[in-house]
Amino acid sequence: MKTRNSIIEELIARLHRDGKLRVWSIIVTIFGDAIIPRGGLIGLSSLQDILGALDIEANAVRTAMSRLAKDGWIKRNKAGRQSFYYLAEEGVELFESATARIYASQPPEWDGRFELLVRNEENQKSRALFKRRMKQNGYGSPVSDIYIRPLFGETIKDDRTDVTAVMEVSKLVSGSMHSFIEKSWRTSELNHRYQSLIDKYSCVFDAVKNGSLSEPLDCMVIRTLLIHDWRRLILQDVDLPVELKPEAWKGEEARQLVRELYHHVLPGSEVYLDNCWSAHDKKLPDAVAAVYERFRQ
């Protein structure tokens, strides 16, 4: 049995060590990043092989697939005793809506405008749910019941029934803009997570560049974990304009590292995927050309 590279071992160990392992989330990453560009359909055995390389047992994969199917995120085809899975329409839409942000080459340009929402809610549970939804959509909240986000060329919706007031503003006056940004979006915590990602993958990048991590399976493992970590991080970032980001911001350094490492392991990972099954007696088709333009447009 071939000895696994120590860097790969540490990456996988951290996957299992850093909080509760959500196998279903990793599966969504694999489908969105690697399988949709190659036809969207993969055999369960091939999926189990990829996750097995991450030390995730077959039973855990089956359990996660059952949960995703029950929740309507994936669908299954059967051919004899073999099962083949693909993302349901909702799952495809979910990943496609996030694709532009995950694989963007740089933050969007900002024209200086903000959207400001005011909502007065007495029910604490309803208020908490609304605040969570606003955070997921990029809104900061400097004080209770006030929500704000930068606008990137779009027109605000002024017919919302769930807010007291909605307005567009083009200038903010604050005694300390840094303090205002931190209170609204908790940028210090996010910056720390970007630095942690840089620390985690810098040595991986060095090993890939010097050729000590070039096996197709190693490339597939790195690609999967890299995009899984990046996806969860970038989708929690609110795409603050460069003008509003704090000094020593690590987000763009992290993006550059992810871009370079991704394109170093992409060819090897695609070689691995060439030998995965999409349907009965059929290998995965070639990836669409757009895969090779990720992080470059």
Protein backbone atom coordinates (compact mmCIF):
# COMPACT_ATOMS: atom_id res chain seq x y z
CA MET A 1 0.00 0.00 0.00
CA LYS A 2 1.37 3.40 -1.02
CA THR A 3 2.30 5.74 1.82
CA ARG A 4 0.25 8.92 1.86
CA ASN A 5 2.09 12.24 1.73
CA SER A 6 2.33 13.84 5.19
CA ILE A 7 0.88 17.13 3.91
CA ILE A 8 -2.17 15.32 2.55
CA GLU A 9 -2.47 13.44 5.84
CA GLU A 10 -2.50 16.72 7.78
CA LEU A 11 -5.09 18.29 5.47
CA ILE A 12 -7.41 15.33 5.97
CA ALA A 13 -6.75 15.23 9.72
CA ARG A 14 -7.75 18.90 9.96
CA LEU A 15 -10.94 18.19 8.04
CA HIS A 16 -11.94 15.71 10.75
CA ARG A 17 -10.57 17.80 13.59
CA ASP A 18 -12.02 21.23 12.80
CA GLY A 19 -15.57 21.04 14.13
CA LYS A 20 -18.38 18.72 13.17
CA LEU A 21 -17.80 17.05 9.80
CA ARG A 22 -20.72 17.72 7.45
CA VAL A 23 -20.36 15.05 4.79
CA TRP A 24 -23.36 16.34 2.87
CA SER A 25 -21.68 19.75 2.50
CA ILE A 26 -18.52 18.18 1.06
CA ILE A 27 -20.69 16.22 -1.39
CA VAL A 28 -22.32 19.46 -2.55
CA THR A 29 -18.84 20.94 -3.06
CA ILE A 30 -17.78 17.95 -5.18
CA PHE A 31 -20.90 18.07 -7.31
CA GLY A 32 -20.74 21.81 -7.90
CA ASP A 33 -17.00 22.05 -8.47
CA ALA A 34 -16.20 18.83 -10.30
CA ILE A 35 -19.28 16.87 -11.40
CA ILE A 36 -21.64 19.49 -12.87
CA PRO A 37 -18.94 20.60 -15.35
CA ARG A 38 -18.64 16.96 -16.46
CA GLY A 39 -22.27 16.17 -17.16
CA GLY A 40 -23.63 16.27 -13.61
CA LEU A 41 -24.04 12.51 -13.05
CA ILE A 42 -21.71 10.31 -10.99
CA GLY A 43 -21.84 6.73 -9.80
CA LEU A 44 -22.10 6.16 -6.07
CA SER A 45 -18.99 3.98 -6.10
CA SER A 46 -16.91 6.74 -7.73
CA LEU A 47 -18.23 9.29 -5.24
CA GLN A 48 -17.40 6.95 -2.39
CA ASP A 49 -13.85 6.58 -3.76
CA ILE A 50 -13.33 10.36 -3.70
CA LEU A 51 -14.72 10.68 -0.19
CA GLY A 52 -12.87 7.57 0.90
CA ALA A 53 -9.64 9.37 0.03
CA LEU A 54 -10.77 11.94 2.63
CA ASP A 55 -11.15 9.15 5.22
CA ILE A 56 -14.95 9.35 5.03
CA GLU A 57 -16.49 5.89 5.28
CA ALA A 58 -18.94 4.51 2.72
CA ASN A 59 -21.73 4.28 5.30
CA ALA A 60 -21.34 7.97 6.10
CA VAL A 61 -21.56 8.76 2.38
CA ARG A 62 -24.76 6.71 1.99
CA THR A 63 -26.29 8.41 5.02
CA ALA A 64 -25.44 11.87 3.65
CA MET A 65 -26.81 10.96 0.21
CA SER A 66 -30.04 9.77 1.78
CA ARG A 67 -30.37 13.05 3.65
CA LEU A 68 -29.72 15.09 0.50
CA ALA A 69 -32.24 13.01 -1.45
CA LYS A 70 -34.85 13.33 1.29
CA ASP A 71 -34.38 17.11 1.33
CA GLY A 72 -34.72 17.26 -2.45
CA TRP A 73 -31.15 18.31 -3.27
CA ILE A 74 -30.13 15.23 -5.25
CA LYS A 75 -31.83 12.56 -7.34
CA ARG A 76 -30.89 8.97 -8.12
CA ASN A 77 -30.86 6.72 -11.17
CA LYS A 78 -30.45 2.96 -10.79
CA ALA A 79 -28.99 0.45 -13.24
CA GLY A 80 -29.17 -3.02 -11.74
CA ARG A 81 -27.37 -2.88 -8.40
CA GLN A 82 -25.57 0.35 -9.26
CA SER A 83 -26.75 3.82 -8.27
CA PHE A 84 -25.95 7.09 -10.03
CA TYR A 85 -26.67 10.52 -8.60
CA TYR A 86 -27.11 14.06 -9.86
CA LEU A 87 -28.04 17.38 -8.28
CA ALA A 88 -31.73 18.22 -8.45
CA GLU A 89 -32.73 21.51 -10.04
CA GLU A 90 -32.71 23.30 -6.68
CA GLY A 91 -29.20 22.02 -5.95
CA VAL A 92 -27.92 23.17 -9.34
CA GLU A 93 -29.50 26.59 -8.89
CA LEU A 94 -27.99 26.88 -5.41
CA PHE A 95 -24.46 26.24 -6.63
CA GLU A 96 -24.83 28.24 -9.84
CA SER A 97 -26.04 31.26 -7.88
CA ALA A 98 -22.85 31.07 -5.80
CA THR A 99 -20.48 30.20 -8.67
CA ALA A 100 -19.76 33.80 -9.67
CA ARG A 101 -18.60 34.66 -6.16
CA ILE A 102 -16.68 31.42 -5.52
CA TYR A 103 -14.62 31.63 -8.72
CA ALA A 104 -14.40 35.42 -9.16
CA SER A 105 -10.96 36.78 -10.06
CA GLN A 106 -11.49 39.92 -7.95
CA PRO A 107 -14.14 41.70 -5.87
CA PRO A 108 -16.90 43.52 -7.78
CA GLU A 109 -16.53 47.22 -8.54
CA TRP A 110 -18.49 49.56 -6.26
CA ASP A 111 -20.16 52.81 -7.28
CA GLY A 112 -20.36 54.28 -3.76
CA ARG A 113 -24.01 53.56 -2.98
CA PHE A 114 -25.55 51.74 0.00
CA GLU A 115 -28.92 50.18 0.63
CA LEU A 116 -30.31 50.91 4.08
CA LEU A 117 -33.16 48.93 5.64
CA VAL A 118 -35.08 49.72 8.81
CA ARG A 119 -37.23 47.05 10.43
CA ASN A 120 -39.03 47.34 13.75
CA GLU A 121 -39.89 43.90 15.09
CA GLU A 122 -41.14 43.16 18.61
CA ASN A 123 -41.07 39.37 18.32
CA GLN A 124 -37.54 38.26 19.29
CA LYS A 125 -37.68 34.97 17.37
CA SER A 126 -38.85 36.71 14.21
CA ARG A 127 -36.18 39.37 14.67
CA ALA A 128 -33.45 36.73 15.01
CA LEU A 129 -34.61 34.89 11.87
CA PHE A 130 -34.72 38.13 9.89
CA LYS A 131 -31.24 39.12 11.08
CA ARG A 132 -29.86 35.71 10.06
CA ARG A 133 -31.43 36.05 6.61
CA MET A 134 -30.01 39.54 6.20
CA LYS A 135 -26.52 38.36 7.16
CA GLN A 136 -26.69 35.56 4.60
CA ASN A 137 -27.52 38.18 1.97
CA GLY A 138 -24.60 40.44 2.80
CA TYR A 139 -26.23 42.99 5.12
CA GLY A 140 -24.40 44.36 8.12
CA SER A 141 -26.18 45.59 11.23
CA PRO A 142 -24.39 48.37 13.14
CA VAL A 143 -27.33 48.73 15.56
CA SER A 144 -30.51 46.78 16.23
CA ASP A 145 -33.10 46.86 13.42
CA ILE A 146 -30.81 48.76 11.00
CA TYR A 147 -29.36 46.80 8.06
CA ILE A 148 -26.96 48.07 5.42
CA ARG A 149 -25.06 46.72 2.44
CA PRO A 150 -23.07 48.19 -0.45
CA LEU A 151 -24.77 48.20 -3.85
CA PHE A 152 -22.93 46.97 -6.92
CA GLY A 153 -24.82 48.49 -9.82
CA GLU A 154 -28.20 46.94 -8.99
CA THR A 155 -31.43 48.84 -8.27
CA ILE A 156 -32.89 48.41 -4.79
CA LYS A 157 -36.34 46.96 -4.26
CA ASP A 158 -38.61 49.57 -2.70
CA ASP A 159 -41.77 47.44 -2.45
CA ARG A 160 -40.76 45.20 0.45
CA THR A 161 -43.50 44.36 2.89
CA ASP A 162 -41.21 42.96 5.60
CA VAL A 163 -39.38 46.21 6.40
CA THR A 164 -40.43 49.57 7.82
CA ALA A 165 -38.31 51.61 5.41
CA VAL A 166 -35.81 51.04 2.58
CA MET A 167 -33.61 53.73 1.11
CA GLU A 168 -30.53 54.33 -1.00
CA VAL A 169 -27.71 56.45 0.42
CA SER A 170 -24.52 57.57 -1.26
CA LYS A 171 -22.61 58.93 1.73
CA LEU A 172 -21.96 57.68 5.24
CA VAL A 173 -20.68 59.95 7.99
CA SER A 174 -19.09 58.17 10.92
CA GLY A 175 -16.67 59.26 13.60
CA SER A 176 -14.75 56.06 13.03
CA MET A 177 -15.45 54.28 9.75
CA HIS A 178 -13.32 51.32 10.87
CA SER A 179 -15.45 50.90 13.99
CA PHE A 180 -18.64 51.20 11.94
CA ILE A 181 -17.51 48.53 9.47
CA GLU A 182 -16.42 46.20 12.28
CA LYS A 183 -19.73 46.56 14.13
CA SER A 184 -21.68 45.98 10.93
CA TRP A 185 -19.82 43.05 9.41
CA ARG A 186 -17.42 41.64 12.06
CA THR A 187 -14.51 41.97 9.64
CA SER A 188 -11.81 41.10 12.20
CA GLU A 189 -13.14 37.57 12.60
CA LEU A 190 -13.42 37.14 8.84
CA ASN A 191 -9.90 38.46 8.30
CA HIS A 192 -8.60 35.98 10.85
CA ARG A 193 -10.26 33.15 8.91
CA TYR A 194 -8.65 34.34 5.67
CA GLN A 195 -5.25 34.29 7.38
CA SER A 196 -5.93 30.78 8.68
CA LEU A 197 -6.72 29.61 5.13
CA ILE A 198 -3.45 31.15 3.91
CA ASP A 199 -1.52 29.40 6.68
CA LYS A 200 -3.25 26.11 5.93
CA TYR A 201 -2.61 26.00 2.19
CA SER A 202 0.72 27.82 1.75
CA CYS A 203 2.76 24.70 2.48
CA VAL A 204 0.43 22.69 0.24
CA PHE A 205 1.10 25.13 -2.60
CA ASP A 206 4.86 24.87 -2.05
CA ALA A 207 4.67 21.07 -2.22
CA VAL A 208 2.55 21.17 -5.38
CA LYS A 209 4.93 23.62 -7.07
CA ASN A 210 8.02 21.52 -6.32
CA GLY A 211 6.34 18.39 -7.69
CA SER A 212 6.03 16.38 -4.47
CA LEU A 213 2.23 16.39 -4.74
CA SER A 214 1.38 15.53 -8.34
CA GLU A 215 -0.54 12.24 -8.22
CA PRO A 216 -4.06 12.57 -9.69
CA LEU A 217 -5.72 11.43 -6.45
CA ASP A 218 -3.64 13.89 -4.39
CA CYS A 219 -4.66 16.66 -6.78
CA MET A 220 -8.33 15.67 -6.43
CA VAL A 221 -8.08 15.68 -2.62
CA ILE A 222 -6.44 19.11 -2.57
CA ARG A 223 -8.91 20.56 -5.08
CA THR A 224 -11.89 19.27 -3.10
CA LEU A 225 -10.71 20.50 0.29
CA LEU A 226 -9.48 23.83 -1.10
CA ILE A 227 -12.80 24.70 -2.76
CA HIS A 228 -14.77 23.35 0.19
CA ASP A 229 -12.90 25.68 2.57
CA TRP A 230 -12.97 28.61 0.15
CA ARG A 231 -16.67 28.19 -0.67
CA ARG A 232 -17.68 28.30 2.99
CA LEU A 233 -15.48 31.33 3.63
CA ILE A 234 -16.15 33.49 0.56
CA LEU A 235 -19.91 33.01 0.80
CA GLN A 236 -19.82 34.40 4.34
CA ASP A 237 -17.87 37.43 3.14
CA VAL A 238 -20.17 40.27 2.15
CA ASP A 239 -18.03 41.41 -0.81
CA LEU A 240 -17.20 44.67 0.90
CA PRO A 241 -15.73 47.12 -1.60
CA VAL A 242 -11.96 47.64 -1.43
CA GLU A 243 -12.63 51.18 -0.21
CA LEU A 244 -14.38 49.84 2.92
CA LYS A 245 -12.10 46.97 3.83
CA PRO A 246 -9.83 47.40 6.85
CA GLU A 247 -6.07 47.76 6.56
CA ALA A 248 -4.06 44.53 6.32
CA TRP A 249 -7.07 42.80 4.73
CA LYS A 250 -6.14 39.19 3.86
CA GLY A 251 -9.04 38.37 1.56
CA GLU A 252 -7.30 39.16 -1.72
CA GLU A 253 -4.08 37.41 -0.67
CA ALA A 254 -6.19 34.35 0.12
CA ARG A 255 -8.00 34.60 -3.23
CA GLN A 256 -4.69 34.73 -5.10
CA LEU A 257 -3.40 31.67 -3.26
CA VAL A 258 -6.62 29.76 -3.97
CA ARG A 259 -6.49 30.75 -7.65
CA GLU A 260 -2.86 29.67 -8.11
CA LEU A 261 -3.20 26.42 -6.18
CA TYR A 262 -6.48 25.53 -7.92
CA HIS A 263 -4.95 25.85 -11.37
CA HIS A 264 -1.87 23.87 -10.34
CA VAL A 265 -3.94 20.87 -9.21
CA LEU A 266 -6.72 21.21 -11.80
CA PRO A 267 -5.05 19.18 -14.59
CA GLY A 268 -4.14 16.30 -12.27
CA SER A 269 -7.59 16.24 -10.69
CA GLU A 270 -9.18 16.12 -14.13
CA VAL A 271 -7.02 13.10 -14.96
CA TYR A 272 -8.44 11.43 -11.85
CA LEU A 273 -12.00 12.32 -12.87
CA ASP A 274 -11.39 10.83 -16.34
CA ASN A 275 -11.57 7.42 -14.66
CA CYS A 276 -14.75 8.00 -12.67
CA TRP A 277 -18.12 6.60 -13.73
CA SER A 278 -21.06 8.77 -14.70
CA ALA A 279 -23.50 6.03 -15.69
CA HIS A 280 -23.55 2.30 -16.34
CA ASP A 281 -20.40 1.42 -18.35
CA LYS A 282 -19.74 5.09 -19.11
CA LYS A 283 -16.96 7.30 -17.79
CA LEU A 284 -17.45 10.97 -16.94
CA PRO A 285 -17.47 13.14 -20.07
CA ASP A 286 -14.79 15.81 -20.52
CA ALA A 287 -15.15 18.97 -18.45
CA VAL A 288 -16.57 22.07 -20.08
CA ALA A 289 -13.97 24.65 -21.07
CA ALA A 290 -15.29 27.17 -18.53
CA VAL A 291 -13.66 25.15 -15.73
CA TYR A 292 -10.25 26.33 -16.91
CA GLU A 293 -11.35 29.98 -16.78
CA ARG A 294 -12.33 29.89 -13.11
CA PHE A 295 -10.69 32.64 -11.02
CA ARG A 296 -9.55 34.31 -14.26
CA GLN A 297 -12.68 36.21 -15.31
